C-alpha atoms as a PDB file:
ATOM      1  CA  MET A   1      14.455  -2.664  -6.415  1.00  0.00           C
ATOM      2  CA  SER A   2      14.070  -4.427  -3.090  1.00  0.00           C
ATOM      3  CA  SER A   3      10.567  -5.078  -1.765  1.00  0.00           C
ATOM      4  CA  ILE A   4       9.149  -6.276   1.563  1.00  0.00           C
ATOM      5  CA  ILE A   5       5.724  -6.879   3.090  1.00  0.00           C
ATOM      6  CA  GLY A   6       4.851  -5.125   6.302  1.00  0.00           C
ATOM      7  CA  ARG A   7       2.153  -4.050   8.716  1.00  0.00           C
ATOM      8  CA  LYS A   8       1.243  -0.550   9.788  1.00  0.00           C
ATOM      9  CA  ILE A   9       1.669  -0.091  13.539  1.00  0.00           C
ATOM     10  CA  GLY A  10       0.841   3.647  13.831  1.00  0.00           C
ATOM     11  CA  MET A  11       2.238   7.148  13.732  1.00  0.00           C
ATOM     12  CA  THR A  12       4.535   9.025  16.046  1.00  0.00           C
ATOM     13  CA  GLN A  13       7.073  11.851  15.775  1.00  0.00           C
ATOM     14  CA  LEU A  14      10.757  12.367  15.918  1.00  0.00           C
ATOM     15  CA  TYR A  15      12.990  15.416  16.388  1.00  0.00           C
ATOM     16  CA  SER A  16      15.565  16.290  13.798  1.00  0.00           C
ATOM     17  CA  GLU A  17      19.000  17.654  14.618  1.00  0.00           C
ATOM     18  CA  ASP A  18      17.804  21.252  14.204  1.00  0.00           C
ATOM     19  CA  GLY A  19      14.852  20.681  16.606  1.00  0.00           C
ATOM     20  CA  ARG A  20      12.080  20.265  14.034  1.00  0.00           C
ATOM     21  CA  VAL A  21       9.253  17.771  14.598  1.00  0.00           C
ATOM     22  CA  VAL A  22       9.212  15.015  11.962  1.00  0.00           C
ATOM     23  CA  PRO A  23       5.983  12.984  11.572  1.00  0.00           C
ATOM     24  CA  VAL A  24       6.818   9.296  10.969  1.00  0.00           C
ATOM     25  CA  THR A  25       4.922   6.049  10.499  1.00  0.00           C
ATOM     26  CA  VAL A  26       6.149   2.906  12.199  1.00  0.00           C
ATOM     27  CA  LEU A  27       5.946  -0.223  10.114  1.00  0.00           C
ATOM     28  CA  GLU A  28       6.633  -3.838  11.090  1.00  0.00           C
ATOM     29  CA  ALA A  29       8.294  -5.263   8.000  1.00  0.00           C
ATOM     30  CA  GLY A  30       9.326  -8.854   7.491  1.00  0.00           C
ATOM     31  CA  PRO A  31      11.028 -11.131   7.802  1.00  0.00           C
ATOM     32  CA  CYS A  32       9.506 -12.345   4.569  1.00  0.00           C
ATOM     33  CA  PRO A  33      10.489 -15.874   3.474  1.00  0.00           C
ATOM     34  CA  VAL A  34      10.723 -16.410  -0.311  1.00  0.00           C
ATOM     35  CA  ILE A  35       8.760 -19.567  -1.212  1.00  0.00           C
ATOM     36  CA  GLY A  36       8.778 -19.296  -5.023  1.00  0.00           C
ATOM     37  CA  ARG A  37      10.250 -17.700  -8.072  1.00  0.00           C
ATOM     38  CA  ARG A  38       8.840 -16.895 -11.473  1.00  0.00           C
ATOM     39  CA  THR A  39      11.306 -16.940 -14.399  1.00  0.00           C
ATOM     40  CA  ARG A  40      11.061 -15.405 -17.794  1.00  0.00           C
ATOM     41  CA  ALA A  41      11.855 -18.718 -19.496  1.00  0.00           C
ATOM     42  CA  LYS A  42       9.012 -20.639 -17.786  1.00  0.00           C
ATOM     43  CA  HIS A  43       6.429 -18.012 -16.833  1.00  0.00           C
ATOM     44  CA  GLY A  44       7.254 -15.077 -19.080  1.00  0.00           C
ATOM     45  CA  TYR A  45       8.339 -12.692 -16.312  1.00  0.00           C
ATOM     46  CA  ASP A  46      10.758 -12.475 -13.365  1.00  0.00           C
ATOM     47  CA  ALA A  47       9.270 -12.282  -9.885  1.00  0.00           C
ATOM     48  CA  LEU A  48       9.652 -13.458  -6.322  1.00  0.00           C
ATOM     49  CA  GLN A  49       6.895 -14.782  -4.032  1.00  0.00           C
ATOM     50  CA  LEU A  50       7.209 -13.161  -0.612  1.00  0.00           C
ATOM     51  CA  THR A  51       5.152 -14.238   2.410  1.00  0.00           C
ATOM     52  CA  PHE A  52       4.331 -12.469   5.687  1.00  0.00           C
ATOM     53  CA  GLY A  53       2.350 -13.055   8.845  1.00  0.00           C
ATOM     54  CA  PRO A  54       1.842 -16.400  10.638  1.00  0.00           C
ATOM     55  CA  ILE A  55      -1.527 -18.136  10.428  1.00  0.00           C
ATOM     56  CA  ARG A  56      -3.019 -21.426  11.596  1.00  0.00           C
ATOM     57  CA  GLU A  57      -3.260 -24.189   9.053  1.00  0.00           C
ATOM     58  CA  LYS A  58      -6.995 -24.716   9.558  1.00  0.00           C
ATOM     59  CA  ARG A  59      -7.656 -21.169   8.407  1.00  0.00           C
ATOM     60  CA  MET A  60      -6.032 -21.811   5.027  1.00  0.00           C
ATOM     61  CA  SER A  61      -7.332 -23.443   1.856  1.00  0.00           C
ATOM     62  CA  ARG A  62      -5.652 -26.683   0.786  1.00  0.00           C
ATOM     63  CA  PRO A  63      -4.204 -25.266  -2.449  1.00  0.00           C
ATOM     64  CA  ARG A  64      -2.614 -22.380  -0.536  1.00  0.00           C
ATOM     65  CA  LEU A  65      -1.382 -24.705   2.175  1.00  0.00           C
ATOM     66  CA  GLY A  66       0.192 -26.936  -0.507  1.00  0.00           C
ATOM     67  CA  GLN A  67       2.319 -23.993  -1.703  1.00  0.00           C
ATOM     68  CA  PHE A  68       3.944 -23.703   1.723  1.00  0.00           C
ATOM     69  CA  ARG A  69       4.390 -27.461   2.192  1.00  0.00           C
ATOM     70  CA  LYS A  70       6.075 -27.687  -1.193  1.00  0.00           C
ATOM     71  CA  ALA A  71       8.458 -24.869  -0.187  1.00  0.00           C
ATOM     72  CA  GLY A  72       9.036 -26.445   3.224  1.00  0.00           C
ATOM     73  CA  ASP A  73       7.943 -23.329   5.090  1.00  0.00           C
ATOM     74  CA  GLU A  74       5.369 -22.511   7.761  1.00  0.00           C
ATOM     75  CA  PRO A  75       1.969 -21.217   6.655  1.00  0.00           C
ATOM     76  CA  ARG A  76       1.781 -17.447   6.214  1.00  0.00           C
ATOM     77  CA  ARG A  77      -1.151 -15.104   5.893  1.00  0.00           C
ATOM     78  CA  LEU A  78      -0.041 -13.247   2.752  1.00  0.00           C
ATOM     79  CA  ILE A  79       1.669 -14.171  -0.471  1.00  0.00           C
ATOM     80  CA  ARG A  80       2.738 -11.313  -2.783  1.00  0.00           C
ATOM     81  CA  GLU A  81       4.629 -11.426  -6.049  1.00  0.00           C
ATOM     82  CA  VAL A  82       7.169  -8.668  -6.445  1.00  0.00           C
ATOM     83  CA  PRO A  83       9.737  -7.959  -9.185  1.00  0.00           C
ATOM     84  CA  ALA A  84      12.823 -10.090  -8.692  1.00  0.00           C
ATOM     85  CA  PHE A  85      15.853  -8.383  -7.176  1.00  0.00           C
ATOM     86  CA  GLU A  86      19.428  -9.419  -6.579  1.00  0.00           C
ATOM     87  CA  GLY A  87      20.762 -11.242  -3.545  1.00  0.00           C
ATOM     88  CA  VAL A  88      17.613 -13.253  -2.701  1.00  0.00           C
ATOM     89  CA  GLU A  89      16.738 -16.815  -3.657  1.00  0.00           C
ATOM     90  CA  VAL A  90      14.024 -19.273  -2.760  1.00  0.00           C
ATOM     91  CA  GLY A  91      14.354 -20.372   0.887  1.00  0.00           C
ATOM     92  CA  GLN A  92      15.938 -17.110   2.026  1.00  0.00           C
ATOM     93  CA  GLU A  93      14.315 -14.233   3.944  1.00  0.00           C
ATOM     94  CA  VAL A  94      13.965 -10.538   3.142  1.00  0.00           C
ATOM     95  CA  LYS A  95      14.545  -8.323   6.170  1.00  0.00           C
ATOM     96  CA  VAL A  96      14.496  -4.619   6.895  1.00  0.00           C
ATOM     97  CA  ASP A  97      18.269  -4.363   6.671  1.00  0.00           C
ATOM     98  CA  ARG A  98      17.838  -4.005   2.919  1.00  0.00           C
ATOM     99  CA  PHE A  99      16.450  -0.523   3.528  1.00  0.00           C
ATOM    100  CA  PRO A 100      19.140   1.752   4.985  1.00  0.00           C
ATOM    101  CA  ILE A 101      18.399   5.078   6.630  1.00  0.00           C
ATOM    102  CA  GLY A 102      18.037   7.750   3.976  1.00  0.00           C
ATOM    103  CA  ALA A 103      16.661   5.394   1.360  1.00  0.00           C
ATOM    104  CA  ARG A 104      13.526   6.344  -0.603  1.00  0.00           C
ATOM    105  CA  VAL A 105      10.598   3.936  -0.739  1.00  0.00           C
ATOM    106  CA  ASP A 106       7.107   3.674  -2.119  1.00  0.00           C
ATOM    107  CA  VAL A 107       4.431   2.322   0.286  1.00  0.00           C
ATOM    108  CA  ILE A 108       1.357   0.585  -1.155  1.00  0.00           C
ATOM    109  CA  GLY A 109      -1.703  -0.134   0.991  1.00  0.00           C
ATOM    110  CA  THR A 110      -5.512  -0.132   1.107  1.00  0.00           C
ATOM    111  CA  SER A 111      -7.106   3.128   2.214  1.00  0.00           C
ATOM    112  CA  LYS A 112      -9.691   3.160   4.986  1.00  0.00           C
ATOM    113  CA  GLY A 113     -13.166   2.223   3.762  1.00  0.00           C
ATOM    114  CA  LYS A 114     -15.689   4.945   4.585  1.00  0.00           C
ATOM    115  CA  GLY A 115     -18.801   3.500   3.036  1.00  0.00           C
ATOM    116  CA  PHE A 116     -21.224   5.212   0.637  1.00  0.00           C
ATOM    117  CA  ALA A 117     -20.630   8.949   0.507  1.00  0.00           C
ATOM    118  CA  ASN A 118     -22.359  11.853  -1.323  1.00  0.00           C
ATOM    119  CA  ILE A 119     -20.681  14.289  -3.644  1.00  0.00           C
ATOM    120  CA  ILE A 120     -19.932  16.780  -0.920  1.00  0.00           C
ATOM    121  CA  ARG A 121     -17.901  14.414   1.262  1.00  0.00           C
ATOM    122  CA  ARG A 122     -16.464  12.372  -1.547  1.00  0.00           C
ATOM    123  CA  HIS A 123     -15.563  15.082  -4.105  1.00  0.00           C
ATOM    124  CA  HIS A 124     -15.809  18.285  -2.010  1.00  0.00           C
ATOM    125  CA  PHE A 125     -18.647  19.792  -4.036  1.00  0.00           C
ATOM    126  CA  SER A 126     -20.229  22.915  -2.593  1.00  0.00           C
ATOM    127  CA  GLY A 127     -23.869  21.720  -2.784  1.00  0.00           C
ATOM    128  CA  GLY A 128     -27.000  23.702  -3.446  1.00  0.00           C
ATOM    129  CA  ASP A 129     -28.152  26.936  -1.903  1.00  0.00           C
ATOM    130  CA  ASN A 130     -29.317  27.169   1.689  1.00  0.00           C
ATOM    131  CA  ALA A 131     -32.451  29.024   0.602  1.00  0.00           C
ATOM    132  CA  HIS A 132     -35.998  28.006   1.454  1.00  0.00           C
ATOM    133  CA  GLY A 133     -37.347  25.341  -0.818  1.00  0.00           C
ATOM    134  CA  CYS A 134     -33.912  24.154  -2.080  1.00  0.00           C
ATOM    135  CA  LYS A 135     -34.118  20.561  -3.226  1.00  0.00           C
ATOM    136  CA  THR A 136     -30.588  20.083  -4.467  1.00  0.00           C
ATOM    137  CA  LYS A 137     -28.566  20.593  -1.280  1.00  0.00           C
ATOM    138  CA  ASN A 138     -26.630  17.269  -1.469  1.00  0.00           C
ATOM    139  CA  GLN A 139     -27.317  16.402  -5.111  1.00  0.00           C
ATOM    140  CA  PRO A 140     -24.966  16.768  -8.090  1.00  0.00           C
ATOM    141  CA  GLY A 141     -27.420  18.584 -10.277  1.00  0.00           C
ATOM    142  CA  SER A 142     -27.537  18.070 -14.035  1.00  0.00           C
ATOM    143  CA  ILE A 143     -25.094  15.297 -14.942  1.00  0.00           C
ATOM    144  CA  GLY A 144     -25.987  14.154 -18.463  1.00  0.00           C
ATOM    145  CA  ALA A 145     -25.532  15.629 -21.945  1.00  0.00           C
ATOM    146  CA  SER A 146     -28.490  16.554 -24.124  1.00  0.00           C
ATOM    147  CA  ALA A 147     -28.724  15.273 -27.687  1.00  0.00           C
ATOM    148  CA  TYR A 148     -25.221  13.939 -27.800  1.00  0.00           C
ATOM    149  CA  PRO A 149     -24.056  11.565 -26.419  1.00  0.00           C
ATOM    150  CA  SER A 150     -27.419  11.278 -24.571  1.00  0.00           C
ATOM    151  CA  ARG A 151     -25.823   9.522 -21.598  1.00  0.00           C
ATOM    152  CA  VAL A 152     -23.769  10.176 -18.489  1.00  0.00           C
ATOM    153  CA  VAL A 153     -20.114  10.430 -19.485  1.00  0.00           C
ATOM    154  CA  LYS A 154     -17.868   7.818 -17.902  1.00  0.00           C
ATOM    155  CA  GLY A 155     -15.786   9.070 -14.999  1.00  0.00           C
ATOM    156  CA  LYS A 156     -18.373  11.595 -13.842  1.00  0.00           C
ATOM    157  CA  LYS A 157     -17.913  12.518 -10.174  1.00  0.00           C
ATOM    158  CA  LEU A 158     -20.975  11.053  -8.458  1.00  0.00           C
ATOM    159  CA  PRO A 159     -21.923   9.638  -5.064  1.00  0.00           C
ATOM    160  CA  GLY A 160     -20.493   6.164  -4.339  1.00  0.00           C
ATOM    161  CA  GLN A 161     -18.118   4.116  -2.234  1.00  0.00           C
ATOM    162  CA  MET A 162     -15.402   6.176  -0.571  1.00  0.00           C
ATOM    163  CA  GLY A 163     -12.025   4.647   0.341  1.00  0.00           C
ATOM    164  CA  ASN A 164     -11.221   0.919   0.373  1.00  0.00           C
ATOM    165  CA  ALA A 165      -8.914   1.412  -2.654  1.00  0.00           C
ATOM    166  CA  ARG A 166      -5.350   0.628  -3.475  1.00  0.00           C
ATOM    167  CA  VAL A 167      -3.218   3.718  -2.771  1.00  0.00           C
ATOM    168  CA  THR A 168       0.508   4.267  -3.391  1.00  0.00           C
ATOM    169  CA  VAL A 169       2.374   6.948  -1.475  1.00  0.00           C
ATOM    170  CA  ARG A 170       5.652   7.606  -3.327  1.00  0.00           C
ATOM    171  CA  ASN A 171       9.115   8.699  -2.434  1.00  0.00           C
ATOM    172  CA  LEU A 172       8.980   8.458   1.377  1.00  0.00           C
ATOM    173  CA  MET A 173      12.261   8.657   3.272  1.00  0.00           C
ATOM    174  CA  VAL A 174      13.433   5.979   5.655  1.00  0.00           C
ATOM    175  CA  VAL A 175      14.387   7.736   8.887  1.00  0.00           C
ATOM    176  CA  GLY A 176      14.960   4.741  11.170  1.00  0.00           C
ATOM    177  CA  VAL A 177      15.500   0.987  11.064  1.00  0.00           C
ATOM    178  CA  ASP A 178      15.451  -1.574  13.918  1.00  0.00           C
ATOM    179  CA  VAL A 179      16.708  -4.907  12.584  1.00  0.00           C
ATOM    180  CA  GLU A 180      16.168  -6.865  15.819  1.00  0.00           C
ATOM    181  CA  GLU A 181      12.533  -5.816  16.131  1.00  0.00           C
ATOM    182  CA  ASN A 182      11.858  -5.776  12.360  1.00  0.00           C
ATOM    183  CA  LEU A 183      10.767  -2.174  12.416  1.00  0.00           C
ATOM    184  CA  ILE A 184      11.171   0.593   9.929  1.00  0.00           C
ATOM    185  CA  TRP A 185      10.269   4.267  10.254  1.00  0.00           C
ATOM    186  CA  VAL A 186       9.264   6.302   7.184  1.00  0.00           C
ATOM    187  CA  ARG A 187       8.699  10.056   7.106  1.00  0.00           C
ATOM    188  CA  GLY A 188       5.077  10.969   6.565  1.00  0.00           C
ATOM    189  CA  ALA A 189       1.799   9.018   6.436  1.00  0.00           C
ATOM    190  CA  VAL A 190       0.970   5.782   4.680  1.00  0.00           C
ATOM    191  CA  PRO A 191      -2.444   4.508   3.564  1.00  0.00           C
ATOM    192  CA  GLY A 192      -4.619   2.228   5.639  1.00  0.00           C
ATOM    193  CA  ALA A 193      -5.668   1.677   9.194  1.00  0.00           C
ATOM    194  CA  THR A 194      -3.618   0.415  12.105  1.00  0.00           C
ATOM    195  CA  ASN A 195      -2.579  -3.248  11.563  1.00  0.00           C
ATOM    196  CA  GLY A 196      -3.245  -2.922   7.869  1.00  0.00           C
ATOM    197  CA  PHE A 197      -0.846  -4.704   5.504  1.00  0.00           C
ATOM    198  CA  VAL A 198       1.380  -2.718   3.156  1.00  0.00           C
ATOM    199  CA  LEU A 199       3.983  -3.375   0.531  1.00  0.00           C
ATOM    200  CA  ILE A 200       7.234  -1.436   0.793  1.00  0.00           C
ATOM    201  CA  ARG A 201       9.407  -1.161  -2.287  1.00  0.00           C
ATOM    202  CA  GLU A 202      12.557   0.692  -2.995  1.00  0.00           C
ATOM    203  CA  VAL A 203      12.286   3.663  -5.356  1.00  0.00           C
ATOM    204  CA  LYS A 204      14.069   3.198  -8.639  1.00  0.00           C
ATOM    205  CA  PRO A 205      16.534   6.058  -9.025  1.00  0.00           C
ATOM    206  CA  ARG A 206      15.631   8.369 -11.880  1.00  0.00           C
ATOM    207  CA  PRO A 207      18.197  10.933 -13.074  1.00  0.00           C
ATOM    208  CA  GLY A 208      17.086  14.478 -12.764  1.00  0.00           C
ATOM    209  CA  LYS A 209      14.625  13.942  -9.950  1.00  0.00           C
ATOM    210  CA  ARG A 210      15.090  16.001  -6.868  1.00  0.00           C
ATOM    211  CA  GLY A 211      15.764  14.123  -3.583  1.00  0.00           C
ATOM    212  CA  GLN A 212      16.913  10.879  -5.223  1.00  0.00           C
END
């Protein structure tokens, strides 16, 4: 399964052959130099270390800078380990040409952080009555058990931080690729804000699944 690191540029729309509007997200993906490899014999698993995004040396820590100097590559903003795939070795680059039009991909990113939110915004609760004297308009109400287990059960839907979490959108179709500009168009929306970093990975074909 091929993987590549990218950056979300924004959304637009295309027209299909039958005249339908297709919402697409434009991603700048790669080129991603490979600066390291993990092997099962030495590390216990097989993986590649991909890098993306230029950065000035003074903005990097010395240990991280040493990784790039050892690999003989320029400093990059991100380093991500992905499962090893064929046709790529240390010193080579992963480009968007590994994702042809019609391919299915998963896009992993960090959702937009929206701060502290109450139960109505975060979990779509209905809230209390709009009657005079109501004191539970934006409150969850009774949340704990009585005699047993005498505590709030883990996983209870309560107010808290909304967004800023790792989100994976699965099985998106690649509808366009520009190798010269390192761009890839995927159908639908992907998590994160504009200029947010994402990981694009090829979907592993599973027999019996529709659309694959």
